[in-house]
Amino acid sequence: MELMNQETVFVPQFDPQKMNGKLTYKVIIKSDYVRNDGTCALYLQIYLNKRKRIPLYISVKPEEFDRKKQRIIKRCKYYKDYNLIIEKKLADINKIEVNYRLNNQSLTLDRLLEELEQPSLRVDYLAFAKRILESQKDVLKESTYKQQKGALSKIEKFKSPLYFYDINEQFLIDFRSWMKNKEKNKPATIEGTIKNFKKYLHVANKKGINTELKFDDISVKKMTGDRLFLLPNELKLLVDYRNSQFVKDSHKNILSRFLFSCFTGIRISDIENITEENFIGDHLVFTMQKTSKFIRIKLNNYAKQMVNFPKLWDGEYTREHINRELKTIANQLGIKKRLYFHSSRHTFATNFLISGGRIENLQKLLGHSEIKETMIYVHIVERITDDQIDLMNDLFK
């Protein structure tokens, strides 16, 4: 069916209090530049306070374009297909315009061009969230970026595409159930993922994207998470394996990082960023990636053994690979715990207190803002039996 009865210029009317200017747009042919095949490119010319031309990636001969009707005539072999492309682009603009007007939002040329480039952003939650995350990459801490990217990957694994109209109470129930029963995620992991999901839903709702379930309908439980840690005898097993002649190179490399953290309490994000320059005499001095706090830690002999200057550690490994290998190593050594890198930080904190360290000093070493964060380890130590505490008397002998 031919679409030849459209108006020459489309001029939608907007509430002048909500628009930055009058929006007009039309299809034009750039006849001042003729290609070798005799064709000229078509553009969509938009004006909203300033002008912008968007290529339609269509080229026809000047006599095949009706300037008044802004359509390709039958003389062109592909006139039907080309006209469909034109109609689709005009419909996209109209849809964006109506959406902004109904949501009482101001439409700018930059916003219009962004949504024309990726129309799925107002339809698919995942496309929207990924775009927002990437736009914030330069201002987010690397650890925060990776954590949020991981959460979006988990959402994508559960349901992709995830349309905004699918976000309701039942979706949230099903998603929580899937993480708990299928993925076997811990409560802290589940709540952390929901927190990230809520963040991008909040941004979407603020941008006028309506969803049945709003961001403020979602409650996220504050979780402290499991504090999995190693006792001295388990720590000794890892040290002995790391120093043995039978250890795989990759296992030695990974254990060097992990055990260094067990003896210093630093996070994997800091392990990834410290260099030889951060070592001054017997001390490690650095600025925490997560909190931006300056930390000074005196290194014990065990920590020093885990570092190989000037490169510090050999091998390049993703965090996911490190966590998988730590579980493999623990299983191989008969340690009945599902190790992950952050358990090294818990190991340091717990053994520091078991060995008689003061809670105020531990707070400084861990970089905690409030003492109540550090007090969690006091409660853990109180639950350890006297026999287990006595193991510290013969540490690594």
Protein backbone atom coordinates (compact mmCIF):
# COMPACT_ATOMS: atom_id res chain seq x y z
CA MET A 1 0.00 0.00 0.00
CA GLU A 2 1.36 3.39 -0.96
CA LEU A 3 1.71 6.01 1.71
CA MET A 4 1.55 9.19 -0.37
CA ASN A 5 -1.05 11.30 1.38
CA GLN A 6 0.98 12.57 4.34
CA GLU A 7 1.46 16.24 5.24
CA THR A 8 4.65 17.87 4.08
CA VAL A 9 5.81 18.91 7.53
CA PHE A 10 4.76 17.38 10.84
CA VAL A 11 4.39 19.97 13.58
CA PRO A 12 3.14 18.35 16.81
CA GLN A 13 1.85 20.80 19.43
CA PHE A 14 3.26 20.73 22.95
CA ASP A 15 2.59 22.39 26.24
CA PRO A 16 4.89 25.44 25.96
CA GLN A 17 5.73 25.18 29.67
CA LYS A 18 7.11 21.72 29.19
CA MET A 19 8.84 22.05 25.83
CA ASN A 20 12.09 23.86 25.21
CA GLY A 21 10.82 24.92 21.79
CA LYS A 22 8.58 23.92 18.89
CA LEU A 23 9.43 20.53 17.42
CA THR A 24 9.33 20.23 13.63
CA TYR A 25 10.73 17.56 11.37
CA LYS A 26 10.68 16.62 7.69
CA VAL A 27 12.39 14.40 5.14
CA ILE A 28 14.79 16.15 2.75
CA ILE A 29 17.08 15.13 -0.10
CA LYS A 30 20.63 16.48 -0.19
CA SER A 31 20.62 17.26 -3.89
CA ASP A 32 23.72 19.46 -3.74
CA TYR A 33 25.85 16.32 -3.59
CA VAL A 34 25.26 13.73 -6.32
CA ARG A 35 27.01 10.36 -6.07
CA ASN A 36 28.62 8.55 -8.97
CA ASP A 37 25.45 6.51 -9.54
CA GLY A 38 23.38 9.68 -9.82
CA THR A 39 21.70 9.32 -6.41
CA CYS A 40 21.48 11.70 -3.45
CA ALA A 41 21.18 10.89 0.25
CA LEU A 42 17.95 11.38 2.22
CA TYR A 43 17.96 12.92 5.68
CA LEU A 44 15.47 13.48 8.45
CA GLN A 45 15.79 17.15 9.40
CA ILE A 46 14.72 17.92 12.97
CA TYR A 47 14.39 21.30 14.61
CA LEU A 48 13.98 21.82 18.35
CA ASN A 49 15.70 25.07 19.29
CA LYS A 50 18.50 23.94 17.00
CA ARG A 51 18.66 21.92 13.83
CA LYS A 52 19.95 18.40 13.35
CA ARG A 53 20.04 16.18 10.28
CA ILE A 54 19.86 12.42 10.73
CA PRO A 55 20.87 10.17 7.83
CA LEU A 56 18.20 7.71 6.72
CA TYR A 57 20.78 5.65 4.83
CA ILE A 58 18.66 5.86 1.70
CA SER A 59 19.91 7.23 -1.63
CA VAL A 60 17.68 7.88 -4.64
CA LYS A 61 17.84 9.96 -7.78
CA PRO A 62 16.40 13.47 -7.31
CA GLU A 63 13.56 12.77 -9.73
CA GLU A 64 12.52 9.72 -7.63
CA PHE A 65 11.81 11.83 -4.52
CA ASP A 66 8.60 13.84 -4.07
CA ARG A 67 9.73 16.85 -2.05
CA LYS A 68 6.18 17.93 -1.24
CA LYS A 69 4.96 14.56 -0.01
CA GLN A 70 8.41 13.61 1.33
CA ARG A 71 8.21 10.11 -0.09
CA ILE A 72 9.83 7.98 -2.78
CA ILE A 73 7.73 7.65 -5.92
CA LYS A 74 7.01 4.49 -7.91
CA ARG A 75 9.73 5.23 -10.42
CA CYS A 76 12.21 3.91 -7.85
CA LYS A 77 12.46 0.11 -7.78
CA TYR A 78 12.57 -0.02 -3.96
CA TYR A 79 10.04 2.72 -3.26
CA LYS A 80 7.86 0.56 -0.98
CA ASP A 81 10.77 -0.52 1.26
CA TYR A 82 12.25 2.96 1.38
CA ASN A 83 8.92 4.51 2.32
CA LEU A 84 8.50 1.98 5.11
CA ILE A 85 11.86 3.08 6.52
CA ILE A 86 10.76 6.71 6.39
CA GLU A 87 7.41 5.94 8.03
CA LYS A 88 9.11 3.95 10.79
CA LYS A 89 11.47 6.82 11.65
CA LEU A 90 8.62 9.36 11.69
CA ALA A 91 6.54 7.04 13.88
CA ASP A 92 9.45 6.70 16.31
CA ILE A 93 9.64 10.47 16.70
CA ASN A 94 5.90 10.72 17.23
CA LYS A 95 6.00 7.95 19.86
CA ILE A 96 8.79 9.68 21.78
CA GLU A 97 7.00 13.02 21.58
CA VAL A 98 3.72 11.60 22.90
CA ASN A 99 5.47 9.70 25.70
CA TYR A 100 7.21 12.82 26.98
CA ARG A 101 4.03 14.87 26.78
CA LEU A 102 1.93 12.27 28.63
CA ASN A 103 4.60 11.97 31.33
CA ASN A 104 4.77 15.76 31.66
CA GLN A 105 8.50 15.79 30.83
CA SER A 106 10.59 18.25 28.90
CA LEU A 107 11.85 16.98 25.56
CA THR A 108 15.19 18.28 24.33
CA LEU A 109 16.92 17.62 21.06
CA ASP A 110 19.64 15.59 22.79
CA ARG A 111 17.06 13.38 24.50
CA LEU A 112 15.19 12.92 21.25
CA LEU A 113 18.33 11.90 19.37
CA GLU A 114 19.37 9.50 22.14
CA GLU A 115 16.02 7.74 22.09
CA LEU A 116 15.93 7.61 18.31
CA GLU A 117 19.32 5.93 18.37
CA GLN A 118 18.18 3.29 20.85
CA PRO A 119 14.38 3.13 20.96
CA SER A 120 14.56 -0.03 23.09
CA LEU A 121 15.79 2.06 26.04
CA ARG A 122 12.21 2.96 26.98
CA VAL A 123 10.97 -0.57 26.38
CA ASP A 124 13.60 -2.99 27.70
CA TYR A 125 14.77 -2.61 31.31
CA LEU A 126 18.09 -4.35 30.61
CA ALA A 127 18.94 -2.14 27.62
CA PHE A 128 18.08 0.92 29.70
CA ALA A 129 20.06 -0.20 32.78
CA LYS A 130 23.15 -1.15 30.77
CA ARG A 131 23.12 2.23 29.02
CA ILE A 132 22.91 4.07 32.36
CA LEU A 133 25.66 1.92 33.89
CA GLU A 134 28.02 2.53 30.97
CA SER A 135 27.34 6.26 31.11
CA GLN A 136 28.46 6.23 34.78
CA LYS A 137 31.51 4.03 34.26
CA ASP A 138 34.00 6.89 34.49
CA VAL A 139 32.61 8.16 37.81
CA LEU A 140 31.95 4.83 39.52
CA LYS A 141 34.64 2.99 41.44
CA GLU A 142 35.80 -0.04 39.47
CA SER A 143 34.58 -2.42 42.18
CA THR A 144 31.14 -0.77 42.17
CA TYR A 145 30.95 -0.93 38.38
CA LYS A 146 31.82 -4.64 38.34
CA GLN A 147 29.37 -5.39 41.13
CA GLN A 148 26.50 -3.62 39.37
CA LYS A 149 27.38 -5.18 36.04
CA GLY A 150 27.30 -8.59 37.71
CA ALA A 151 23.85 -7.88 39.12
CA LEU A 152 22.54 -6.94 35.66
CA SER A 153 24.02 -10.15 34.26
CA LYS A 154 22.11 -12.10 36.88
CA ILE A 155 18.86 -10.33 35.95
CA GLU A 156 19.56 -11.01 32.28
CA LYS A 157 20.13 -14.70 33.01
CA PHE A 158 16.72 -14.87 34.68
CA LYS A 159 14.75 -13.00 32.01
CA SER A 160 15.87 -11.36 28.79
CA PRO A 161 14.52 -9.20 27.36
CA LEU A 162 12.87 -7.76 30.45
CA TYR A 163 10.21 -5.34 29.28
CA PHE A 164 9.17 -2.56 31.61
CA TYR A 165 5.55 -3.70 31.40
CA ASP A 166 6.65 -7.09 32.82
CA ILE A 167 7.94 -5.52 36.03
CA ASN A 168 5.29 -6.23 38.64
CA GLU A 169 5.00 -7.84 42.06
CA GLN A 170 4.92 -11.36 40.59
CA PHE A 171 8.14 -10.74 38.67
CA LEU A 172 9.90 -9.76 41.90
CA ILE A 173 8.58 -12.86 43.70
CA ASP A 174 9.67 -15.15 40.87
CA PHE A 175 13.09 -13.50 40.63
CA ARG A 176 13.77 -13.86 44.35
CA SER A 177 12.64 -17.50 44.22
CA TRP A 178 14.90 -18.22 41.22
CA MET A 179 17.95 -16.76 42.95
CA LYS A 180 17.27 -18.71 46.13
CA ASN A 181 16.22 -22.09 44.74
CA LYS A 182 17.85 -22.32 41.32
CA GLU A 183 21.01 -20.26 41.76
CA LYS A 184 21.39 -21.17 45.46
CA ASN A 185 22.31 -17.57 46.26
CA LYS A 186 22.77 -16.48 49.85
CA PRO A 187 20.30 -13.95 51.31
CA ALA A 188 22.92 -11.19 51.18
CA THR A 189 23.54 -11.86 47.48
CA ILE A 190 19.81 -11.83 46.75
CA GLU A 191 19.23 -8.55 48.57
CA GLY A 192 22.27 -6.99 46.90
CA THR A 193 20.95 -7.93 43.46
CA ILE A 194 17.50 -6.55 44.29
CA LYS A 195 19.12 -3.34 45.52
CA ASN A 196 20.81 -2.89 42.15
CA PHE A 197 17.62 -3.75 40.28
CA LYS A 198 15.81 -1.11 42.31
CA LYS A 199 18.47 1.49 41.53
CA TYR A 200 17.91 1.38 37.77
CA LEU A 201 14.15 1.10 38.17
CA HIS A 202 14.36 4.31 40.19
CA VAL A 203 16.20 6.06 37.36
CA ALA A 204 13.67 4.76 34.82
CA ASN A 205 10.69 5.93 36.88
CA LYS A 206 12.29 9.36 37.30
CA LYS A 207 12.68 9.56 33.54
CA GLY A 208 8.96 9.01 33.15
CA ILE A 209 8.98 5.30 32.31
CA ASN A 210 5.91 3.88 33.99
CA THR A 211 5.96 0.43 35.55
CA GLU A 212 3.32 -1.44 37.53
CA LEU A 213 5.87 -2.01 40.30
CA LYS A 214 7.55 1.26 41.26
CA PHE A 215 10.98 1.51 42.82
CA ASP A 216 9.55 2.71 46.14
CA ASP A 217 7.35 -0.41 46.30
CA ILE A 218 10.46 -2.55 46.70
CA SER A 219 11.97 -3.10 50.13
CA VAL A 220 15.52 -4.35 50.46
CA LYS A 221 16.55 -6.08 53.65
CA LYS A 222 19.81 -4.89 55.19
CA MET A 223 22.04 -7.94 55.29
CA THR A 224 25.40 -8.43 56.91
CA GLY A 225 26.10 -11.58 54.92
CA ASP A 226 27.94 -14.71 56.00
CA ARG A 227 31.33 -14.16 57.57
CA LEU A 228 33.10 -17.26 56.30
CA PHE A 229 36.64 -17.39 57.68
CA LEU A 230 39.54 -19.78 58.10
CA LEU A 231 40.92 -20.94 61.43
CA PRO A 232 44.71 -21.19 61.95
CA ASN A 233 44.94 -24.91 61.09
CA GLU A 234 43.05 -24.32 57.83
CA LEU A 235 45.20 -21.32 57.03
CA LYS A 236 48.30 -23.46 57.59
CA LEU A 237 47.06 -26.01 55.05
CA LEU A 238 46.86 -23.29 52.41
CA VAL A 239 50.29 -21.88 53.26
CA ASP A 240 51.91 -25.32 53.13
CA TYR A 241 50.24 -26.14 49.81
CA ARG A 242 51.26 -22.78 48.34
CA ASN A 243 54.89 -23.41 49.36
CA SER A 244 55.00 -27.07 48.25
CA GLN A 245 56.76 -28.34 45.13
CA PHE A 246 53.53 -29.96 43.96
CA VAL A 247 51.44 -26.80 43.71
CA LYS A 248 50.21 -25.73 40.26
CA ASP A 249 51.53 -22.37 39.08
CA SER A 250 48.01 -20.96 38.80
CA HIS A 251 47.13 -22.17 42.30
CA LYS A 252 50.31 -20.64 43.73
CA ASN A 253 49.60 -17.33 42.02
CA ILE A 254 46.02 -17.22 43.27
CA LEU A 255 46.93 -18.34 46.80
CA SER A 256 49.63 -15.66 47.00
CA ARG A 257 46.98 -13.00 46.50
CA PHE A 258 44.46 -14.69 48.79
CA LEU A 259 46.89 -15.36 51.64
CA PHE A 260 48.32 -11.84 51.44
CA SER A 261 44.79 -10.63 52.08
CA CYS A 262 44.38 -13.14 54.92
CA PHE A 263 47.40 -11.52 56.61
CA THR A 264 46.48 -7.89 55.84
CA GLY A 265 42.68 -7.79 55.47
CA ILE A 266 42.71 -5.84 52.20
CA ARG A 267 39.99 -6.29 49.58
CA ILE A 268 40.45 -7.81 46.15
CA SER A 269 39.86 -4.37 44.60
CA ASP A 270 42.97 -3.16 46.43
CA ILE A 271 44.93 -6.31 45.58
CA GLU A 272 44.26 -5.47 41.92
CA ASN A 273 45.61 -1.93 42.23
CA ILE A 274 48.56 -1.89 44.60
CA THR A 275 52.07 -1.83 43.14
CA GLU A 276 55.62 -2.01 44.48
CA GLU A 277 55.40 1.72 45.21
CA ASN A 278 52.80 1.03 47.92
CA PHE A 279 55.39 -0.88 49.97
CA ILE A 280 57.49 1.34 52.20
CA GLY A 281 59.82 -0.61 54.44
CA ASP A 282 57.71 -3.01 56.50
CA HIS A 283 54.50 -1.16 55.74
CA LEU A 284 51.84 -1.20 53.05
CA VAL A 285 50.34 2.23 52.41
CA PHE A 286 47.49 2.75 49.98
CA THR A 287 44.12 4.41 49.42
CA MET A 288 41.20 2.00 49.59
CA GLN A 289 39.32 1.70 46.31
CA LYS A 290 35.95 1.28 48.00
CA THR A 291 36.10 4.00 50.66
CA SER A 292 38.93 6.28 49.41
CA LYS A 293 40.44 6.07 52.90
CA PHE A 294 44.22 6.18 53.33
CA ILE A 295 45.42 3.02 55.09
CA ARG A 296 48.78 2.11 56.62
CA ILE A 297 49.36 -1.54 57.55
CA LYS A 298 52.48 -3.03 59.14
CA LEU A 299 53.27 -6.27 57.32
CA ASN A 300 53.96 -9.46 59.24
CA ASN A 301 56.44 -12.05 57.95
CA TYR A 302 53.73 -14.23 56.42
CA ALA A 303 52.38 -11.35 54.34
CA LYS A 304 55.87 -10.48 53.09
CA GLN A 305 56.39 -14.06 51.87
CA MET A 306 53.38 -13.77 49.57
CA VAL A 307 54.82 -10.86 47.56
CA ASN A 308 57.22 -11.19 44.65
CA PHE A 309 58.74 -7.81 43.75
CA PRO A 310 58.61 -5.95 41.48
CA LYS A 311 55.48 -7.43 39.86
CA LEU A 312 53.96 -8.56 43.21
CA TRP A 313 51.92 -11.41 41.70
CA ASP A 314 52.16 -13.50 38.56
CA GLY A 315 49.28 -14.35 36.26
CA GLU A 316 46.17 -12.47 35.23
CA TYR A 317 42.88 -13.87 36.56
CA THR A 318 39.30 -12.67 36.70
CA ARG A 319 37.58 -12.52 40.06
CA GLU A 320 35.21 -15.25 38.96
CA HIS A 321 38.11 -17.54 38.08
CA ILE A 322 39.85 -16.83 41.39
CA ASN A 323 36.72 -17.72 43.37
CA ARG A 324 36.23 -20.95 41.41
CA GLU A 325 39.84 -21.99 41.95
CA LEU A 326 39.70 -21.19 45.67
CA LYS A 327 36.80 -23.62 46.03
CA THR A 328 38.76 -26.24 44.07
CA ILE A 329 41.83 -25.76 46.28
CA ALA A 330 39.78 -25.96 49.49
CA ASN A 331 38.13 -29.18 48.32
CA GLN A 332 41.50 -30.63 47.31
CA LEU A 333 42.93 -29.93 50.78
CA GLY A 334 39.88 -31.22 52.64
CA ILE A 335 38.74 -27.81 53.87
CA LYS A 336 34.95 -28.11 54.18
CA LYS A 337 34.23 -24.47 53.37
CA ARG A 338 33.18 -22.82 50.11
CA LEU A 339 35.97 -20.29 49.94
CA TYR A 340 35.66 -17.00 48.07
CA PHE A 341 38.18 -14.17 48.03
CA HIS A 342 36.38 -11.90 50.48
CA SER A 343 36.58 -14.65 53.13
CA SER A 344 40.27 -13.68 53.39
CA ARG A 345 39.20 -10.34 54.88
CA HIS A 346 36.98 -12.12 57.39
CA THR A 347 39.87 -14.49 58.16
CA PHE A 348 42.17 -11.60 58.94
CA ALA A 349 39.64 -9.83 61.16
CA THR A 350 38.66 -12.92 63.12
CA ASN A 351 42.22 -14.14 63.72
CA PHE A 352 43.36 -10.63 64.60
CA LEU A 353 40.87 -10.56 67.47
CA ILE A 354 41.56 -14.15 68.48
CA SER A 355 45.24 -13.24 68.77
CA GLY A 356 44.40 -10.42 71.16
CA GLY A 357 44.11 -7.46 68.80
CA ARG A 358 42.07 -4.47 69.91
CA ILE A 359 38.74 -3.77 68.22
CA GLU A 360 39.59 -0.07 67.68
CA ASN A 361 42.79 -1.00 65.83
CA LEU A 362 40.93 -3.55 63.71
CA GLN A 363 38.43 -0.86 62.75
CA LYS A 364 41.26 1.31 61.41
CA LEU A 365 42.93 -1.56 59.57
CA LEU A 366 39.69 -2.57 57.86
CA GLY A 367 38.79 1.03 57.08
CA HIS A 368 35.35 0.80 58.69
CA SER A 369 33.54 4.09 59.20
CA GLU A 370 31.62 2.89 62.25
CA ILE A 371 32.70 0.60 65.06
CA LYS A 372 29.45 -1.38 64.80
CA GLU A 373 30.66 -2.79 61.47
CA THR A 374 33.75 -4.16 63.18
CA MET A 375 31.81 -5.46 66.20
CA ILE A 376 30.38 -8.22 64.03
CA TYR A 377 33.76 -9.96 64.30
CA VAL A 378 33.71 -9.68 68.06
CA HIS A 379 30.46 -11.65 68.13
CA ILE A 380 32.00 -14.25 65.80
CA VAL A 381 35.01 -14.74 68.05
CA GLU A 382 32.75 -15.14 71.07
CA ARG A 383 31.16 -18.15 69.38
CA ILE A 384 34.46 -19.92 68.73
CA THR A 385 35.22 -22.68 71.24
CA ASP A 386 38.18 -22.54 73.59
CA ASP A 387 39.84 -25.46 71.80
CA GLN A 388 39.77 -23.61 68.50
CA ILE A 389 41.21 -20.47 70.10
CA ASP A 390 44.06 -22.53 71.56
CA LEU A 391 45.15 -23.42 68.05
CA MET A 392 46.57 -19.94 67.74
CA ASN A 393 49.22 -20.83 70.32
CA ASP A 394 51.07 -22.94 67.76
CA LEU A 395 50.38 -20.89 64.69
CA PHE A 396 52.35 -22.34 61.74
CA LYS A 397 54.76 -24.33 63.93
